[in-house]
Amino acid sequence: MRIQPLEAGDQVLIERHGLRAAGELISLGYAPAFSQALMAPDITDAVCVCFMPVVGFNQTPGVGAGQPLGAG
C-alpha cells in the first residue's frame, strides 16, 4: 500500500461522485445540507490510497455469503 497525492482530474471525479451520492440521499428525503456534508465534503486534504487486493469475498446475502471469490 502507498499513499500519494491526487492525480490531475481526481478532485473533479471525487466531487462529481460525491454530489451524485448526495443526490441519492436527497431523493430519499434527507436534507440537502446533511447529504452534501456526508457525501461531498471538502476534499482539499484528500490523498490517493493505492493498494492491490489479495483476496475478495462474496458480499451477497444468501448461501455463498462470505465465501472467497472464485470458490465453488
N, C-alpha and C. Protein backbone atom coordinates (compact mmCIF):
# COMPACT_ATOMS: atom_id res chain seq x y z
N MET A 1 0.84 -1.16 0.00
CA MET A 1 0.00 0.00 0.00
C MET A 1 0.89 1.24 0.00
N ARG A 2 0.43 2.25 -0.71
CA ARG A 2 1.14 3.52 -0.69
C ARG A 2 0.13 4.66 -0.73
N ILE A 3 0.52 5.77 -0.19
CA ILE A 3 -0.31 6.98 -0.18
C ILE A 3 0.40 8.02 -1.03
N GLN A 4 -0.33 8.63 -1.95
CA GLN A 4 0.27 9.62 -2.84
C GLN A 4 -0.73 10.73 -3.11
N PRO A 5 -0.26 11.85 -3.63
CA PRO A 5 -1.17 12.96 -3.95
C PRO A 5 -2.15 12.54 -5.05
N LEU A 6 -3.27 13.25 -5.10
CA LEU A 6 -4.23 13.01 -6.18
C LEU A 6 -3.59 13.36 -7.52
N GLU A 7 -4.04 12.68 -8.55
CA GLU A 7 -3.58 12.98 -9.90
C GLU A 7 -4.51 14.01 -10.54
N ALA A 8 -4.07 14.57 -11.63
CA ALA A 8 -4.89 15.55 -12.36
C ALA A 8 -6.25 14.95 -12.67
N GLY A 9 -7.29 15.67 -12.36
CA GLY A 9 -8.64 15.21 -12.65
C GLY A 9 -9.30 14.44 -11.52
N ASP A 10 -8.53 13.95 -10.55
CA ASP A 10 -9.11 13.16 -9.47
C ASP A 10 -10.10 13.98 -8.64
N GLN A 11 -9.74 15.22 -8.33
CA GLN A 11 -10.61 16.04 -7.48
C GLN A 11 -11.97 16.26 -8.15
N VAL A 12 -11.97 16.47 -9.44
CA VAL A 12 -13.23 16.65 -10.17
C VAL A 12 -14.08 15.39 -10.09
N LEU A 13 -13.46 14.23 -10.25
CA LEU A 13 -14.19 12.96 -10.18
C LEU A 13 -14.76 12.73 -8.77
N ILE A 14 -13.96 13.02 -7.76
CA ILE A 14 -14.42 12.84 -6.38
C ILE A 14 -15.62 13.74 -6.11
N GLU A 15 -15.53 14.99 -6.52
CA GLU A 15 -16.63 15.93 -6.30
C GLU A 15 -17.88 15.49 -7.06
N ARG A 16 -17.72 15.04 -8.29
CA ARG A 16 -18.86 14.61 -9.11
C ARG A 16 -19.56 13.41 -8.47
N HIS A 17 -18.79 12.42 -8.06
CA HIS A 17 -19.39 11.23 -7.43
C HIS A 17 -20.03 11.57 -6.09
N GLY A 18 -19.40 12.46 -5.33
CA GLY A 18 -19.97 12.88 -4.06
C GLY A 18 -21.30 13.57 -4.23
N LEU A 19 -21.39 14.44 -5.23
CA LEU A 19 -22.65 15.14 -5.48
C LEU A 19 -23.74 14.18 -5.96
N ARG A 20 -23.36 13.19 -6.75
CA ARG A 20 -24.35 12.18 -7.18
C ARG A 20 -24.86 11.38 -5.99
N ALA A 21 -23.94 10.98 -5.12
CA ALA A 21 -24.34 10.22 -3.93
C ALA A 21 -25.22 11.07 -3.03
N ALA A 22 -24.88 12.35 -2.87
CA ALA A 22 -25.71 13.25 -2.08
C ALA A 22 -27.10 13.37 -2.70
N GLY A 23 -27.16 13.42 -4.01
CA GLY A 23 -28.45 13.49 -4.71
C GLY A 23 -29.32 12.28 -4.43
N GLU A 24 -28.70 11.11 -4.32
CA GLU A 24 -29.46 9.90 -3.97
C GLU A 24 -30.07 10.02 -2.58
N LEU A 25 -29.29 10.53 -1.64
CA LEU A 25 -29.82 10.71 -0.28
C LEU A 25 -30.95 11.73 -0.26
N ILE A 26 -30.76 12.82 -1.01
CA ILE A 26 -31.79 13.86 -1.08
C ILE A 26 -33.08 13.27 -1.65
N SER A 27 -32.95 12.40 -2.66
CA SER A 27 -34.15 11.78 -3.25
C SER A 27 -34.86 10.85 -2.28
N LEU A 28 -34.15 10.40 -1.24
CA LEU A 28 -34.76 9.56 -0.21
C LEU A 28 -35.34 10.38 0.94
N GLY A 29 -35.22 11.71 0.83
CA GLY A 29 -35.83 12.58 1.82
C GLY A 29 -34.88 13.20 2.83
N TYR A 30 -33.58 12.93 2.71
CA TYR A 30 -32.63 13.56 3.62
C TYR A 30 -32.41 15.01 3.22
N ALA A 31 -32.11 15.84 4.20
CA ALA A 31 -31.89 17.26 3.95
C ALA A 31 -30.66 17.46 3.05
N PRO A 32 -30.74 18.40 2.11
CA PRO A 32 -29.60 18.65 1.24
C PRO A 32 -28.31 18.98 1.99
N ALA A 33 -28.39 19.81 3.02
CA ALA A 33 -27.17 20.17 3.76
C ALA A 33 -26.53 18.94 4.40
N PHE A 34 -27.34 18.08 4.98
CA PHE A 34 -26.83 16.84 5.59
C PHE A 34 -26.21 15.95 4.52
N SER A 35 -26.94 15.74 3.44
CA SER A 35 -26.49 14.84 2.37
C SER A 35 -25.18 15.30 1.75
N GLN A 36 -25.06 16.59 1.50
CA GLN A 36 -23.83 17.11 0.90
C GLN A 36 -22.67 17.08 1.87
N ALA A 37 -22.93 17.33 3.15
CA ALA A 37 -21.85 17.26 4.15
C ALA A 37 -21.35 15.83 4.29
N LEU A 38 -22.25 14.86 4.21
CA LEU A 38 -21.87 13.46 4.37
C LEU A 38 -21.18 12.90 3.13
N MET A 39 -21.70 13.20 1.96
CA MET A 39 -21.23 12.55 0.74
C MET A 39 -20.32 13.41 -0.13
N ALA A 40 -20.31 14.71 0.08
CA ALA A 40 -19.49 15.60 -0.76
C ALA A 40 -18.79 16.62 0.11
N PRO A 41 -18.01 16.18 1.09
CA PRO A 41 -17.34 17.12 1.98
C PRO A 41 -16.18 17.83 1.28
N ASP A 42 -15.59 18.77 1.97
CA ASP A 42 -14.41 19.48 1.47
C ASP A 42 -13.27 18.46 1.32
N ILE A 43 -12.69 18.38 0.16
CA ILE A 43 -11.65 17.36 -0.09
C ILE A 43 -10.28 17.96 -0.33
N THR A 44 -10.04 19.13 0.20
CA THR A 44 -8.75 19.77 -0.05
C THR A 44 -7.58 18.96 0.51
N ASP A 45 -7.81 18.13 1.51
CA ASP A 45 -6.75 17.31 2.09
C ASP A 45 -6.77 15.88 1.58
N ALA A 46 -7.55 15.59 0.56
CA ALA A 46 -7.69 14.22 0.06
C ALA A 46 -6.37 13.72 -0.53
N VAL A 47 -6.13 12.44 -0.38
CA VAL A 47 -4.98 11.77 -0.97
C VAL A 47 -5.45 10.49 -1.63
N CYS A 48 -4.60 9.89 -2.40
CA CYS A 48 -4.88 8.62 -3.06
C CYS A 48 -4.24 7.50 -2.24
N VAL A 49 -5.04 6.51 -1.86
CA VAL A 49 -4.53 5.31 -1.18
C VAL A 49 -4.51 4.20 -2.22
N CYS A 50 -3.32 3.77 -2.60
CA CYS A 50 -3.15 2.75 -3.64
C CYS A 50 -2.87 1.40 -2.99
N PHE A 51 -3.61 0.40 -3.42
CA PHE A 51 -3.40 -0.94 -2.87
C PHE A 51 -3.83 -1.98 -3.90
N MET A 52 -3.39 -3.21 -3.72
CA MET A 52 -3.78 -4.31 -4.58
C MET A 52 -4.41 -5.39 -3.70
N PRO A 53 -5.69 -5.66 -3.89
CA PRO A 53 -6.34 -6.70 -3.09
C PRO A 53 -5.69 -8.06 -3.35
N VAL A 54 -5.62 -8.85 -2.32
CA VAL A 54 -5.07 -10.20 -2.47
C VAL A 54 -6.15 -11.27 -2.33
N VAL A 55 -7.31 -10.89 -1.81
CA VAL A 55 -8.44 -11.82 -1.70
C VAL A 55 -9.72 -11.00 -1.67
N GLY A 56 -10.78 -11.56 -2.19
CA GLY A 56 -12.09 -10.92 -2.16
C GLY A 56 -13.14 -11.93 -1.71
N PHE A 57 -14.20 -11.42 -1.14
CA PHE A 57 -15.25 -12.29 -0.63
C PHE A 57 -16.60 -11.90 -1.19
N ASN A 58 -17.47 -12.88 -1.36
CA ASN A 58 -18.82 -12.67 -1.84
C ASN A 58 -19.60 -11.93 -0.76
N GLN A 59 -20.16 -10.78 -1.09
CA GLN A 59 -20.89 -9.97 -0.13
C GLN A 59 -22.40 -10.09 -0.28
N THR A 60 -22.85 -10.93 -1.21
CA THR A 60 -24.28 -11.08 -1.44
C THR A 60 -24.91 -11.93 -0.34
N PRO A 61 -26.05 -11.49 0.20
CA PRO A 61 -26.73 -12.33 1.20
C PRO A 61 -27.12 -13.67 0.59
N GLY A 62 -27.10 -14.68 1.37
CA GLY A 62 -27.54 -15.99 0.89
C GLY A 62 -26.49 -17.06 1.09
N VAL A 63 -26.62 -18.13 0.35
CA VAL A 63 -25.81 -19.33 0.53
C VAL A 63 -24.32 -19.06 0.40
N GLY A 64 -23.89 -18.26 -0.56
CA GLY A 64 -22.46 -18.06 -0.77
C GLY A 64 -21.85 -16.90 0.00
N ALA A 65 -22.64 -16.27 0.86
CA ALA A 65 -22.13 -15.09 1.58
C ALA A 65 -20.88 -15.42 2.39
N GLY A 66 -19.87 -14.58 2.23
CA GLY A 66 -18.63 -14.74 2.99
C GLY A 66 -17.63 -15.68 2.36
N GLN A 67 -17.99 -16.31 1.27
CA GLN A 67 -17.08 -17.24 0.61
C GLN A 67 -16.08 -16.46 -0.24
N PRO A 68 -14.84 -16.95 -0.32
CA PRO A 68 -13.86 -16.28 -1.19
C PRO A 68 -14.35 -16.27 -2.64
N LEU A 69 -14.11 -15.16 -3.34
CA LEU A 69 -14.48 -15.10 -4.76
C LEU A 69 -13.73 -16.17 -5.53
N GLY A 70 -14.38 -16.78 -6.45
CA GLY A 70 -13.77 -17.83 -7.25
C GLY A 70 -13.92 -19.21 -6.65
N ALA A 71 -14.42 -19.32 -5.44
CA ALA A 71 -14.61 -20.63 -4.81
C ALA A 71 -15.96 -21.20 -5.22
N GLY A 72 -15.93 -22.45 -5.70
CA GLY A 72 -17.14 -23.22 -5.99
C GLY A 72 -18.12 -22.52 -6.80
